[in-house]
Amino acid sequence: MKHARPDYDRIQDPLGKIPEDEPVFLLRAQDAVAPGLVEAWAIAAHAAGAQDDIVQHAYEHAQLMRKWQAGHGSKIPDMPN
């Protein structure tokens, strides 16, 4: 799998479900904009016809990210040099 950031290449797919050439974008809870983006994804997924449980799971995950941020802080997205 191809990550948007080379420093995330260490994140693996041990079951090989993601093709080597498939781009993957990872959002971390420390990213200040991540919860809102996950909610935007949920809205778009719902509009595209995604199952309700998938959409609900995304909303719940966004809330978990916000809870994590409340306890640990967040930061503006950056890239390593």
PDB file of N, CA and C in Angstrom:
ATOM      1  N   MET A   1       0.849  -1.168   0.000  1.00  0.00           N
ATOM      2  CA  MET A   1       0.000   0.000   0.000  1.00  0.00           C
ATOM      3  C   MET A   1       0.888   1.222   0.000  1.00  0.00           C
ATOM      4  N   LYS A   2       0.438   2.243  -0.676  1.00  0.00           N
ATOM      5  CA  LYS A   2       1.200   3.485  -0.766  1.00  0.00           C
ATOM      6  C   LYS A   2       0.593   4.512   0.179  1.00  0.00           C
ATOM      7  N   HIS A   3       1.389   4.949   1.142  1.00  0.00           N
ATOM      8  CA  HIS A   3       0.941   5.970   2.084  1.00  0.00           C
ATOM      9  C   HIS A   3       1.209   7.360   1.505  1.00  0.00           C
ATOM     10  N   ALA A   4       0.433   8.327   1.940  1.00  0.00           N
ATOM     11  CA  ALA A   4       0.641   9.703   1.508  1.00  0.00           C
ATOM     12  C   ALA A   4       1.925  10.272   2.097  1.00  0.00           C
ATOM     13  N   ARG A   5       2.397   9.689   3.198  1.00  0.00           N
ATOM     14  CA  ARG A   5       3.621  10.146   3.871  1.00  0.00           C
ATOM     15  C   ARG A   5       4.601   8.988   3.956  1.00  0.00           C
ATOM     16  N   PRO A   6       5.812   9.173   3.454  1.00  0.00           N
ATOM     17  CA  PRO A   6       6.801   8.086   3.504  1.00  0.00           C
ATOM     18  C   PRO A   6       7.121   7.613   4.918  1.00  0.00           C
ATOM     19  N   ASP A   7       7.011   8.498   5.923  1.00  0.00           N
ATOM     20  CA  ASP A   7       7.319   8.076   7.289  1.00  0.00           C
ATOM     21  C   ASP A   7       6.254   7.133   7.855  1.00  0.00           C
ATOM     22  N   TYR A   8       5.146   6.949   7.152  1.00  0.00           N
ATOM     23  CA  TYR A   8       4.130   5.986   7.575  1.00  0.00           C
ATOM     24  C   TYR A   8       4.269   4.652   6.840  1.00  0.00           C
ATOM     25  N   ASP A   9       5.302   4.490   6.031  1.00  0.00           N
ATOM     26  CA  ASP A   9       5.499   3.233   5.308  1.00  0.00           C
ATOM     27  C   ASP A   9       5.641   2.038   6.241  1.00  0.00           C
ATOM     28  N   ARG A  10       6.016   2.284   7.489  1.00  0.00           N
ATOM     29  CA  ARG A  10       6.165   1.187   8.442  1.00  0.00           C
ATOM     30  C   ARG A  10       4.818   0.577   8.835  1.00  0.00           C
ATOM     31  N   ILE A  11       3.721   1.271   8.530  1.00  0.00           N
ATOM     32  CA  ILE A  11       2.393   0.732   8.809  1.00  0.00           C
ATOM     33  C   ILE A  11       2.095  -0.317   7.744  1.00  0.00           C
ATOM     34  N   GLN A  12       1.862  -1.515   8.191  1.00  0.00           N
ATOM     35  CA  GLN A  12       1.760  -2.655   7.290  1.00  0.00           C
ATOM     36  C   GLN A  12       0.341  -3.198   7.188  1.00  0.00           C
ATOM     37  N   ASP A  13       0.137  -4.019   6.185  1.00  0.00           N
ATOM     38  CA  ASP A  13      -1.109  -4.737   5.964  1.00  0.00           C
ATOM     39  C   ASP A  13      -0.767  -6.223   6.005  1.00  0.00           C
ATOM     40  N   PRO A  14      -0.675  -6.816   7.208  1.00  0.00           N
ATOM     41  CA  PRO A  14      -0.174  -8.192   7.319  1.00  0.00           C
ATOM     42  C   PRO A  14      -0.999  -9.240   6.572  1.00  0.00           C
ATOM     43  N   LEU A  15      -2.275  -8.978   6.332  1.00  0.00           N
ATOM     44  CA  LEU A  15      -3.092  -9.951   5.599  1.00  0.00           C
ATOM     45  C   LEU A  15      -3.054  -9.725   4.094  1.00  0.00           C
ATOM     46  N   GLY A  16      -2.383  -8.662   3.663  1.00  0.00           N
ATOM     47  CA  GLY A  16      -2.243  -8.401   2.234  1.00  0.00           C
ATOM     48  C   GLY A  16      -3.551  -8.070   1.532  1.00  0.00           C
ATOM     49  N   LYS A  17      -4.483  -7.428   2.237  1.00  0.00           N
ATOM     50  CA  LYS A  17      -5.777  -7.099   1.643  1.00  0.00           C
ATOM     51  C   LYS A  17      -5.733  -5.828   0.792  1.00  0.00           C
ATOM     52  N   ILE A  18      -4.706  -5.002   1.001  1.00  0.00           N
ATOM     53  CA  ILE A  18      -4.571  -3.760   0.240  1.00  0.00           C
ATOM     54  C   ILE A  18      -3.470  -3.963  -0.793  1.00  0.00           C
ATOM     55  N   PRO A  19      -3.783  -3.817  -2.081  1.00  0.00           N
ATOM     56  CA  PRO A  19      -2.747  -4.003  -3.096  1.00  0.00           C
ATOM     57  C   PRO A  19      -1.564  -3.058  -2.889  1.00  0.00           C
ATOM     58  N   GLU A  20      -0.390  -3.518  -3.274  1.00  0.00           N
ATOM     59  CA  GLU A  20       0.853  -2.767  -3.094  1.00  0.00           C
ATOM     60  C   GLU A  20       0.784  -1.378  -3.722  1.00  0.00           C
ATOM     61  N   ASP A  21       0.071  -1.246  -4.840  1.00  0.00           N
ATOM     62  CA  ASP A  21       0.031   0.036  -5.544  1.00  0.00           C
ATOM     63  C   ASP A  21      -1.190   0.896  -5.185  1.00  0.00           C
ATOM     64  N   GLU A  22      -2.002   0.446  -4.209  1.00  0.00           N
ATOM     65  CA  GLU A  22      -3.196   1.218  -3.835  1.00  0.00           C
ATOM     66  C   GLU A  22      -2.833   2.332  -2.860  1.00  0.00           C
ATOM     67  N   PRO A  23      -3.149   3.589  -3.201  1.00  0.00           N
ATOM     68  CA  PRO A  23      -2.879   4.689  -2.274  1.00  0.00           C
ATOM     69  C   PRO A  23      -3.765   4.596  -1.032  1.00  0.00           C
ATOM     70  N   VAL A  24      -3.171   4.910   0.116  1.00  0.00           N
ATOM     71  CA  VAL A  24      -3.861   4.888   1.403  1.00  0.00           C
ATOM     72  C   VAL A  24      -3.584   6.220   2.086  1.00  0.00           C
ATOM     73  N   PHE A  25      -4.611   6.808   2.698  1.00  0.00           N
ATOM     74  CA  PHE A  25      -4.462   8.073   3.419  1.00  0.00           C
ATOM     75  C   PHE A  25      -4.865   7.840   4.854  1.00  0.00           C
ATOM     76  N   LEU A  26      -3.950   8.054   5.770  1.00  0.00           N
ATOM     77  CA  LEU A  26      -4.173   7.791   7.179  1.00  0.00           C
ATOM     78  C   LEU A  26      -4.422   9.091   7.927  1.00  0.00           C
ATOM     79  N   LEU A  27      -5.489   9.127   8.715  1.00  0.00           N
ATOM     80  CA  LEU A  27      -5.779  10.275   9.577  1.00  0.00           C
ATOM     81  C   LEU A  27      -5.577   9.849  11.020  1.00  0.00           C
ATOM     82  N   ARG A  28      -4.777  10.628  11.750  1.00  0.00           N
ATOM     83  CA  ARG A  28      -4.532  10.335  13.156  1.00  0.00           C
ATOM     84  C   ARG A  28      -5.357  11.252  14.035  1.00  0.00           C
ATOM     85  N   ALA A  29      -5.665  10.792  15.240  1.00  0.00           N
ATOM     86  CA  ALA A  29      -6.441  11.610  16.171  1.00  0.00           C
ATOM     87  C   ALA A  29      -5.713  12.892  16.540  1.00  0.00           C
ATOM     88  N   GLN A  30      -4.388  12.891  16.516  1.00  0.00           N
ATOM     89  CA  GLN A  30      -3.648  14.106  16.859  1.00  0.00           C
ATOM     90  C   GLN A  30      -3.814  15.205  15.805  1.00  0.00           C
ATOM     91  N   ASP A  31      -4.299  14.861  14.633  1.00  0.00           N
ATOM     92  CA  ASP A  31      -4.519  15.822  13.556  1.00  0.00           C
ATOM     93  C   ASP A  31      -5.778  16.633  13.880  1.00  0.00           C
ATOM     94  N   ALA A  32      -5.619  17.924  14.040  1.00  0.00           N
ATOM     95  CA  ALA A  32      -6.727  18.792  14.465  1.00  0.00           C
ATOM     96  C   ALA A  32      -7.940  18.714  13.538  1.00  0.00           C
ATOM     97  N   VAL A  33      -7.731  18.445  12.269  1.00  0.00           N
ATOM     98  CA  VAL A  33      -8.850  18.431  11.323  1.00  0.00           C
ATOM     99  C   VAL A  33      -9.437  17.037  11.083  1.00  0.00           C
ATOM    100  N   ALA A  34      -8.817  16.002  11.641  1.00  0.00           N
ATOM    101  CA  ALA A  34      -9.240  14.628  11.356  1.00  0.00           C
ATOM    102  C   ALA A  34     -10.690  14.324  11.729  1.00  0.00           C
ATOM    103  N   PRO A  35     -11.168  14.687  12.934  1.00  0.00           N
ATOM    104  CA  PRO A  35     -12.555  14.323  13.260  1.00  0.00           C
ATOM    105  C   PRO A  35     -13.572  14.896  12.273  1.00  0.00           C
ATOM    106  N   GLY A  36     -13.393  16.140  11.882  1.00  0.00           N
ATOM    107  CA  GLY A  36     -14.308  16.742  10.918  1.00  0.00           C
ATOM    108  C   GLY A  36     -14.246  16.068   9.561  1.00  0.00           C
ATOM    109  N   LEU A  37     -13.053  15.640   9.164  1.00  0.00           N
ATOM    110  CA  LEU A  37     -12.912  14.939   7.888  1.00  0.00           C
ATOM    111  C   LEU A  37     -13.575  13.569   7.923  1.00  0.00           C
ATOM    112  N   VAL A  38     -13.463  12.887   9.050  1.00  0.00           N
ATOM    113  CA  VAL A  38     -14.126  11.590   9.177  1.00  0.00           C
ATOM    114  C   VAL A  38     -15.647  11.772   9.112  1.00  0.00           C
ATOM    115  N   GLU A  39     -16.147  12.825   9.741  1.00  0.00           N
ATOM    116  CA  GLU A  39     -17.589  13.098   9.649  1.00  0.00           C
ATOM    117  C   GLU A  39     -17.995  13.462   8.221  1.00  0.00           C
ATOM    118  N   ALA A  40     -17.164  14.226   7.527  1.00  0.00           N
ATOM    119  CA  ALA A  40     -17.467  14.558   6.122  1.00  0.00           C
ATOM    120  C   ALA A  40     -17.483  13.291   5.270  1.00  0.00           C
ATOM    121  N   TRP A  41     -16.562  12.370   5.563  1.00  0.00           N
ATOM    122  CA  TRP A  41     -16.548  11.092   4.853  1.00  0.00           C
ATOM    123  C   TRP A  41     -17.845  10.336   5.128  1.00  0.00           C
ATOM    124  N   ALA A  42     -18.307  10.344   6.375  1.00  0.00           N
ATOM    125  CA  ALA A  42     -19.547   9.651   6.731  1.00  0.00           C
ATOM    126  C   ALA A  42     -20.729  10.219   5.961  1.00  0.00           C
ATOM    127  N   ILE A  43     -20.780  11.529   5.849  1.00  0.00           N
ATOM    128  CA  ILE A  43     -21.867  12.180   5.095  1.00  0.00           C
ATOM    129  C   ILE A  43     -21.818  11.763   3.631  1.00  0.00           C
ATOM    130  N   ALA A  44     -20.616  11.791   3.051  1.00  0.00           N
ATOM    131  CA  ALA A  44     -20.468  11.408   1.643  1.00  0.00           C
ATOM    132  C   ALA A  44     -20.777   9.930   1.441  1.00  0.00           C
ATOM    133  N   ALA A  45     -20.339   9.092   2.371  1.00  0.00           N
ATOM    134  CA  ALA A  45     -20.607   7.660   2.259  1.00  0.00           C
ATOM    135  C   ALA A  45     -22.108   7.382   2.339  1.00  0.00           C
ATOM    136  N   HIS A  46     -22.779   8.081   3.247  1.00  0.00           N
ATOM    137  CA  HIS A  46     -24.234   7.924   3.372  1.00  0.00           C
ATOM    138  C   HIS A  46     -24.926   8.342   2.068  1.00  0.00           C
ATOM    139  N   ALA A  47     -24.507   9.465   1.517  1.00  0.00           N
ATOM    140  CA  ALA A  47     -25.103   9.948   0.265  1.00  0.00           C
ATOM    141  C   ALA A  47     -24.852   8.980  -0.888  1.00  0.00           C
ATOM    142  N   ALA A  48     -23.738   8.256  -0.828  1.00  0.00           N
ATOM    143  CA  ALA A  48     -23.408   7.296  -1.884  1.00  0.00           C
ATOM    144  C   ALA A  48     -24.111   5.962  -1.698  1.00  0.00           C
ATOM    145  N   GLY A  49     -24.791   5.798  -0.548  1.00  0.00           N
ATOM    146  CA  GLY A  49     -25.539   4.574  -0.311  1.00  0.00           C
ATOM    147  C   GLY A  49     -24.868   3.570   0.616  1.00  0.00           C
ATOM    148  N   ALA A  50     -23.862   4.003   1.368  1.00  0.00           N
ATOM    149  CA  ALA A  50     -23.201   3.096   2.310  1.00  0.00           C
ATOM    150  C   ALA A  50     -24.193   2.623   3.364  1.00  0.00           C
ATOM    151  N   GLN A  51     -23.945   1.448   3.882  1.00  0.00           N
ATOM    152  CA  GLN A  51     -24.810   0.892   4.916  1.00  0.00           C
ATOM    153  C   GLN A  51     -24.764   1.768   6.159  1.00  0.00           C
ATOM    154  N   ASP A  52     -25.886   1.850   6.850  1.00  0.00           N
ATOM    155  CA  ASP A  52     -26.003   2.694   8.036  1.00  0.00           C
ATOM    156  C   ASP A  52     -24.979   2.361   9.118  1.00  0.00           C
ATOM    157  N   ASP A  53     -24.657   1.074   9.292  1.00  0.00           N
ATOM    158  CA  ASP A  53     -23.709   0.717  10.342  1.00  0.00           C
ATOM    159  C   ASP A  53     -22.302   1.228  10.037  1.00  0.00           C
ATOM    160  N   ILE A  54     -21.926   1.284   8.781  1.00  0.00           N
ATOM    161  CA  ILE A  54     -20.614   1.823   8.400  1.00  0.00           C
ATOM    162  C   ILE A  54     -20.578   3.318   8.680  1.00  0.00           C
ATOM    163  N   VAL A  55     -21.640   4.015   8.307  1.00  0.00           N
ATOM    164  CA  VAL A  55     -21.729   5.456   8.541  1.00  0.00           C
ATOM    165  C   VAL A  55     -21.705   5.745  10.034  1.00  0.00           C
ATOM    166  N   GLN A  56     -22.468   4.988  10.807  1.00  0.00           N
ATOM    167  CA  GLN A  56     -22.503   5.174  12.255  1.00  0.00           C
ATOM    168  C   GLN A  56     -21.133   4.929  12.870  1.00  0.00           C
ATOM    169  N   HIS A  57     -20.444   3.911  12.408  1.00  0.00           N
ATOM    170  CA  HIS A  57     -19.112   3.606  12.922  1.00  0.00           C
ATOM    171  C   HIS A  57     -18.155   4.780  12.666  1.00  0.00           C
ATOM    172  N   ALA A  58     -18.260   5.400  11.501  1.00  0.00           N
ATOM    173  CA  ALA A  58     -17.410   6.553  11.196  1.00  0.00           C
ATOM    174  C   ALA A  58     -17.707   7.713  12.146  1.00  0.00           C
ATOM    175  N   TYR A  59     -18.978   7.989  12.380  1.00  0.00           N
ATOM    176  CA  TYR A  59     -19.340   9.058  13.329  1.00  0.00           C
ATOM    177  C   TYR A  59     -18.793   8.756  14.727  1.00  0.00           C
ATOM    178  N   GLU A  60     -18.916   7.512  15.149  1.00  0.00           N
ATOM    179  CA  GLU A  60     -18.407   7.126  16.466  1.00  0.00           C
ATOM    180  C   GLU A  60     -16.887   7.280  16.530  1.00  0.00           C
ATOM    181  N   HIS A  61     -16.225   6.950  15.444  1.00  0.00           N
ATOM    182  CA  HIS A  61     -14.764   7.083  15.401  1.00  0.00           C
ATOM    183  C   HIS A  61     -14.348   8.549  15.483  1.00  0.00           C
ATOM    184  N   ALA A  62     -15.106   9.418  14.819  1.00  0.00           N
ATOM    185  CA  ALA A  62     -14.824  10.858  14.904  1.00  0.00           C
ATOM    186  C   ALA A  62     -14.957  11.335  16.352  1.00  0.00           C
ATOM    187  N   GLN A  63     -15.963  10.824  17.063  1.00  0.00           N
ATOM    188  CA  GLN A  63     -16.137  11.197  18.471  1.00  0.00           C
ATOM    189  C   GLN A  63     -14.981  10.679  19.328  1.00  0.00           C
ATOM    190  N   LEU A  64     -14.510   9.472  19.032  1.00  0.00           N
ATOM    191  CA  LEU A  64     -13.348   8.941  19.745  1.00  0.00           C
ATOM    192  C   LEU A  64     -12.121   9.814  19.511  1.00  0.00           C
ATOM    193  N   MET A  65     -11.983  10.299  18.284  1.00  0.00           N
ATOM    194  CA  MET A  65     -10.854  11.195  17.976  1.00  0.00           C
ATOM    195  C   MET A  65     -10.958  12.487  18.781  1.00  0.00           C
ATOM    196  N   ARG A  66     -12.157  13.036  18.857  1.00  0.00           N
ATOM    197  CA  ARG A  66     -12.349  14.269  19.635  1.00  0.00           C
ATOM    198  C   ARG A  66     -12.049  14.032  21.121  1.00  0.00           C
ATOM    199  N   LYS A  67     -12.486  12.904  21.629  1.00  0.00           N
ATOM    200  CA  LYS A  67     -12.217  12.569  23.031  1.00  0.00           C
ATOM    201  C   LYS A  67     -10.715  12.441  23.253  1.00  0.00           C
ATOM    202  N   TRP A  68     -10.021  11.793  22.331  1.00  0.00           N
ATOM    203  CA  TRP A  68      -8.570  11.658  22.440  1.00  0.00           C
ATOM    204  C   TRP A  68      -7.912  13.034  22.428  1.00  0.00           C
ATOM    205  N   GLN A  69      -8.360  13.902  21.517  1.00  0.00           N
ATOM    206  CA  GLN A  69      -7.799  15.252  21.435  1.00  0.00           C
ATOM    207  C   GLN A  69      -8.003  16.015  22.737  1.00  0.00           C
ATOM    208  N   ALA A  70      -9.148  15.848  23.380  1.00  0.00           N
ATOM    209  CA  ALA A  70      -9.428  16.549  24.630  1.00  0.00           C
ATOM    210  C   ALA A  70      -8.434  16.155  25.715  1.00  0.00           C
ATOM    211  N   GLY A  71      -7.985  14.917  25.688  1.00  0.00           N
ATOM    212  CA  GLY A  71      -7.052  14.453  26.700  1.00  0.00           C
ATOM    213  C   GLY A  71      -5.591  14.592  26.340  1.00  0.00           C
ATOM    214  N   HIS A  72      -5.305  14.674  25.027  1.00  0.00           N
ATOM    215  CA  HIS A  72      -3.913  14.676  24.579  1.00  0.00           C
ATOM    216  C   HIS A  72      -3.519  15.900  23.763  1.00  0.00           C
ATOM    217  N   GLY A  73      -4.501  16.660  23.321  1.00  0.00           N
ATOM    218  CA  GLY A  73      -4.212  17.795  22.453  1.00  0.00           C
ATOM    219  C   GLY A  73      -4.232  17.392  20.987  1.00  0.00           C
ATOM    220  N   SER A  74      -4.081  18.372  20.147  1.00  0.00           N
ATOM    221  CA  SER A  74      -4.039  18.131  18.702  1.00  0.00           C
ATOM    222  C   SER A  74      -3.088  19.138  18.085  1.00  0.00           C
ATOM    223  N   LYS A  75      -2.805  18.940  16.814  1.00  0.00           N
ATOM    224  CA  LYS A  75      -1.901  19.851  16.120  1.00  0.00           C
ATOM    225  C   LYS A  75      -2.320  19.976  14.667  1.00  0.00           C
ATOM    226  N   ILE A  76      -1.852  21.032  14.060  1.00  0.00           N
ATOM    227  CA  ILE A  76      -2.100  21.259  12.637  1.00  0.00           C
ATOM    228  C   ILE A  76      -1.287  20.226  11.854  1.00  0.00           C
ATOM    229  N   PRO A  77      -1.847  19.682  10.776  1.00  0.00           N
ATOM    230  CA  PRO A  77      -1.105  18.682  10.006  1.00  0.00           C
ATOM    231  C   PRO A  77       0.251  19.225   9.535  1.00  0.00           C
ATOM    232  N   ASP A  78       1.227  18.338   9.509  1.00  0.00           N
ATOM    233  CA  ASP A  78       2.561  18.711   9.048  1.00  0.00           C
ATOM    234  C   ASP A  78       3.174  17.551   8.269  1.00  0.00           C
ATOM    235  N   MET A  79       4.333  17.793   7.737  1.00  0.00           N
ATOM    236  CA  MET A  79       5.111  16.751   7.022  1.00  0.00           C
ATOM    237  C   MET A  79       6.535  16.797   7.552  1.00  0.00           C
ATOM    238  N   PRO A  80       7.164  15.634   7.654  1.00  0.00           N
ATOM    239  CA  PRO A  80       8.563  15.631   8.067  1.00  0.00           C
ATOM    240  C   PRO A  80       9.447  16.212   6.966  1.00  0.00           C
ATOM    241  N   ASN A  81      10.566  16.743   7.383  1.00  0.00           N
ATOM    242  CA  ASN A  81      11.524  17.291   6.382  1.00  0.00           C
ATOM    243  C   ASN A  81      12.330  16.194   5.760  1.00  0.00           C
TER     244      ASN A  81
END
